[in-house]
C-alpha atoms as a PDB file:
ATOM      1  CA  GLN A   1       0.093  -0.051   0.087  1.00  0.00           C
ATOM      2  CA  VAL A   2       1.158   3.385  -0.733  1.00  0.00           C
ATOM      3  CA  GLN A   3       0.606   6.208   1.993  1.00  0.00           C
ATOM      4  CA  LEU A   4      -0.707   9.383   0.418  1.00  0.00           C
ATOM      5  CA  VAL A   5      -0.796  13.028   1.793  1.00  0.00           C
ATOM      6  CA  GLU A   6      -2.410  15.796   0.016  1.00  0.00           C
ATOM      7  CA  SER A   7      -1.957  19.546   1.087  1.00  0.00           C
ATOM      8  CA  GLY A   8      -2.043  22.837  -0.490  1.00  0.00           C
ATOM      9  CA  GLY A   9      -5.684  23.571  -0.424  1.00  0.00           C
ATOM     10  CA  GLY A  10      -7.391  26.805   0.834  1.00  0.00           C
ATOM     11  CA  LEU A  11      -9.628  29.579   0.220  1.00  0.00           C
ATOM     12  CA  VAL A  12      -9.145  31.424  -2.935  1.00  0.00           C
ATOM     13  CA  GLN A  13     -11.406  34.005  -5.054  1.00  0.00           C
ATOM     14  CA  ALA A  14     -12.454  32.946  -8.503  1.00  0.00           C
ATOM     15  CA  GLY A  15     -10.179  33.628 -11.047  1.00  0.00           C
ATOM     16  CA  GLY A  16      -7.230  32.550  -8.490  1.00  0.00           C
ATOM     17  CA  SER A  17      -4.880  29.752  -8.203  1.00  0.00           C
ATOM     18  CA  LEU A  18      -3.708  27.154  -5.950  1.00  0.00           C
ATOM     19  CA  ARG A  19      -1.179  24.463  -6.252  1.00  0.00           C
ATOM     20  CA  LEU A  20      -1.978  21.163  -4.635  1.00  0.00           C
ATOM     21  CA  SER A  21       0.699  18.484  -3.678  1.00  0.00           C
ATOM     22  CA  CYS A  22       0.358  14.858  -3.016  1.00  0.00           C
ATOM     23  CA  ALA A  23       3.201  13.145  -1.392  1.00  0.00           C
ATOM     24  CA  ALA A  24       3.534   9.522  -1.593  1.00  0.00           C
ATOM     25  CA  SER A  25       5.331   6.787   0.378  1.00  0.00           C
ATOM     26  CA  GLY A  26       7.261   4.012  -1.310  1.00  0.00           C
ATOM     27  CA  ARG A  27      10.028   3.310  -3.615  1.00  0.00           C
ATOM     28  CA  THR A  28       8.186   2.702  -6.738  1.00  0.00           C
ATOM     29  CA  PHE A  29       6.353   5.909  -7.432  1.00  0.00           C
ATOM     30  CA  SER A  30       7.205   5.935 -11.069  1.00  0.00           C
ATOM     31  CA  SER A  31       5.301   2.749 -11.564  1.00  0.00           C
ATOM     32  CA  TYR A  32       2.036   4.267 -10.526  1.00  0.00           C
ATOM     33  CA  THR A  33      -0.333   6.141 -12.504  1.00  0.00           C
ATOM     34  CA  MET A  34      -1.275   9.174 -10.427  1.00  0.00           C
ATOM     35  CA  GLY A  35      -4.439  10.545 -10.381  1.00  0.00           C
ATOM     36  CA  TRP A  36      -6.320  13.629  -8.708  1.00  0.00           C
ATOM     37  CA  PHE A  37      -9.887  13.437  -7.990  1.00  0.00           C
ATOM     38  CA  ARG A  38     -12.361  15.729  -6.146  1.00  0.00           C
ATOM     39  CA  GLN A  39     -16.029  15.527  -4.382  1.00  0.00           C
ATOM     40  CA  ALA A  40     -17.940  18.312  -3.815  1.00  0.00           C
ATOM     41  CA  PRO A  41     -20.677  18.322  -1.046  1.00  0.00           C
ATOM     42  CA  GLY A  42     -23.513  16.163  -1.854  1.00  0.00           C
ATOM     43  CA  LYS A  43     -21.867  14.825  -5.058  1.00  0.00           C
ATOM     44  CA  GLU A  44     -20.075  11.699  -6.158  1.00  0.00           C
ATOM     45  CA  ARG A  45     -16.144  11.823  -6.430  1.00  0.00           C
ATOM     46  CA  GLU A  46     -15.137  12.665  -9.706  1.00  0.00           C
ATOM     47  CA  PHE A  47     -11.911  12.298 -11.817  1.00  0.00           C
ATOM     48  CA  VAL A  48     -10.222  15.484 -12.454  1.00  0.00           C
ATOM     49  CA  VAL A  49      -6.921  14.439 -13.947  1.00  0.00           C
ATOM     50  CA  ALA A  50      -4.234  11.513 -14.064  1.00  0.00           C
ATOM     51  CA  SER A  51      -0.501  11.336 -14.812  1.00  0.00           C
ATOM     52  CA  ARG A  52       0.318   7.939 -16.486  1.00  0.00           C
ATOM     53  CA  ARG A  53       3.107   6.009 -14.925  1.00  0.00           C
ATOM     54  CA  PHE A  54       6.481   6.040 -16.618  1.00  0.00           C
ATOM     55  CA  SER A  55       5.458   8.220 -19.427  1.00  0.00           C
ATOM     56  CA  GLY A  56       3.772  11.002 -17.522  1.00  0.00           C
ATOM     57  CA  ASP A  57       1.023  11.463 -20.183  1.00  0.00           C
ATOM     58  CA  ALA A  58      -1.733  13.458 -18.867  1.00  0.00           C
ATOM     59  CA  TYR A  59      -5.346  12.967 -19.285  1.00  0.00           C
ATOM     60  CA  TYR A  60      -7.796  15.572 -18.186  1.00  0.00           C
ATOM     61  CA  ALA A  61     -11.650  15.881 -17.328  1.00  0.00           C
ATOM     62  CA  ASP A  62     -13.286  18.223 -19.954  1.00  0.00           C
ATOM     63  CA  SER A  63     -14.263  20.506 -16.959  1.00  0.00           C
ATOM     64  CA  VAL A  64     -10.669  21.392 -16.128  1.00  0.00           C
ATOM     65  CA  LYS A  65      -8.927  21.236 -19.310  1.00  0.00           C
ATOM     66  CA  ALA A  66      -6.603  24.521 -20.143  1.00  0.00           C
ATOM     67  CA  ARG A  67      -6.902  25.457 -16.503  1.00  0.00           C
ATOM     68  CA  PHE A  68      -5.318  22.623 -14.338  1.00  0.00           C
ATOM     69  CA  THR A  69      -2.096  21.150 -14.808  1.00  0.00           C
ATOM     70  CA  ILE A  70      -0.696  17.935 -13.210  1.00  0.00           C
ATOM     71  CA  SER A  71       3.005  17.254 -12.942  1.00  0.00           C
ATOM     72  CA  ARG A  72       5.088  14.911 -11.035  1.00  0.00           C
ATOM     73  CA  ASP A  73       8.534  14.694  -9.304  1.00  0.00           C
ATOM     74  CA  ASN A  74       9.476  10.973  -9.262  1.00  0.00           C
ATOM     75  CA  ALA A  75      12.484  11.816  -7.175  1.00  0.00           C
ATOM     76  CA  LYS A  76      10.453  13.513  -4.525  1.00  0.00           C
ATOM     77  CA  ASN A  77       7.481  10.939  -4.786  1.00  0.00           C
ATOM     78  CA  THR A  78       5.227  13.972  -5.379  1.00  0.00           C
ATOM     79  CA  VAL A  79       2.647  14.788  -7.861  1.00  0.00           C
ATOM     80  CA  TYR A  80       1.310  18.437  -8.050  1.00  0.00           C
ATOM     81  CA  LEU A  81      -1.874  20.023  -9.429  1.00  0.00           C
ATOM     82  CA  GLN A  82      -1.641  23.641 -10.506  1.00  0.00           C
ATOM     83  CA  MET A  83      -5.100  25.200 -10.587  1.00  0.00           C
ATOM     84  CA  ASN A  84      -5.634  28.447 -12.336  1.00  0.00           C
ATOM     85  CA  GLY A  85      -8.836  30.041 -13.224  1.00  0.00           C
ATOM     86  CA  LEU A  86     -10.522  28.647 -10.294  1.00  0.00           C
ATOM     87  CA  LYS A  87     -14.203  28.806 -10.438  1.00  0.00           C
ATOM     88  CA  SER A  88     -16.850  28.244  -7.864  1.00  0.00           C
ATOM     89  CA  GLU A  89     -17.661  25.138  -9.413  1.00  0.00           C
ATOM     90  CA  ASP A  90     -14.127  23.662  -8.525  1.00  0.00           C
ATOM     91  CA  THR A  91     -14.972  23.896  -4.916  1.00  0.00           C
ATOM     92  CA  ALA A  92     -14.319  20.374  -3.312  1.00  0.00           C
ATOM     93  CA  VAL A  93     -12.155  18.234  -1.287  1.00  0.00           C
ATOM     94  CA  TYR A  94      -9.273  17.173  -3.657  1.00  0.00           C
ATOM     95  CA  SER A  95      -7.818  13.937  -3.254  1.00  0.00           C
ATOM     96  CA  CYS A  96      -4.953  11.862  -4.943  1.00  0.00           C
ATOM     97  CA  ASN A  97      -4.815   8.156  -5.413  1.00  0.00           C
ATOM     98  CA  ALA A  98      -1.857   5.876  -6.746  1.00  0.00           C
ATOM     99  CA  VAL A  99      -3.034   3.414  -9.454  1.00  0.00           C
ATOM    100  CA  ARG A 100      -1.338   0.197 -10.663  1.00  0.00           C
ATOM    101  CA  TYR A 101      -2.853  -2.725 -12.492  1.00  0.00           C
ATOM    102  CA  GLY A 102      -6.334  -1.295 -12.214  1.00  0.00           C
ATOM    103  CA  ARG A 103      -6.167  -1.281  -8.331  1.00  0.00           C
ATOM    104  CA  PHE A 104      -6.555   1.954  -6.385  1.00  0.00           C
ATOM    105  CA  ASN A 105      -4.711   2.456  -2.973  1.00  0.00           C
ATOM    106  CA  SER A 106      -6.616   3.595   0.326  1.00  0.00           C
ATOM    107  CA  TRP A 107      -7.585   7.469  -0.042  1.00  0.00           C
ATOM    108  CA  GLY A 108      -5.738   9.887   1.908  1.00  0.00           C
ATOM    109  CA  GLN A 109      -7.272  12.724   4.036  1.00  0.00           C
ATOM    110  CA  GLY A 110      -7.882  15.213   1.021  1.00  0.00           C
ATOM    111  CA  THR A 111      -7.328  18.776   0.983  1.00  0.00           C
ATOM    112  CA  GLN A 112     -10.211  21.471   0.846  1.00  0.00           C
ATOM    113  CA  VAL A 113     -10.423  23.950  -2.078  1.00  0.00           C
ATOM    114  CA  THR A 114     -12.984  26.510  -1.652  1.00  0.00           C
ATOM    115  CA  VAL A 115     -13.506  29.128  -4.233  1.00  0.00           C
ATOM    116  CA  SER A 116     -15.507  32.265  -3.347  1.00  0.00           C
ATOM    117  CA  SER A 117     -17.343  34.065  -6.057  1.00  0.00           C
END
């Protein structure tokens, strides 16, 4: 199991930016596809973006394309989510996960992002 710790959330005005971080334990970080997900109050958790293992190729949900950017530092076992042009609908708890062979790890505590309009 990979332990995941998210950080960097906060309160920001609409149009502002935040950078989230997700630190993972273990020595095989590069072999995991790392994904960011979010869950707004009263809604299901939804996919935001993923960085494919080894290649780092990124896949974005349509709702965040051109505004969010995922990056990863395999030497630091950390994946980042740069969020620009934030909207009120981006308000949610953001969580990361490490996926390999179709299996998800346990979820971390997540980090709250609140966008005020």
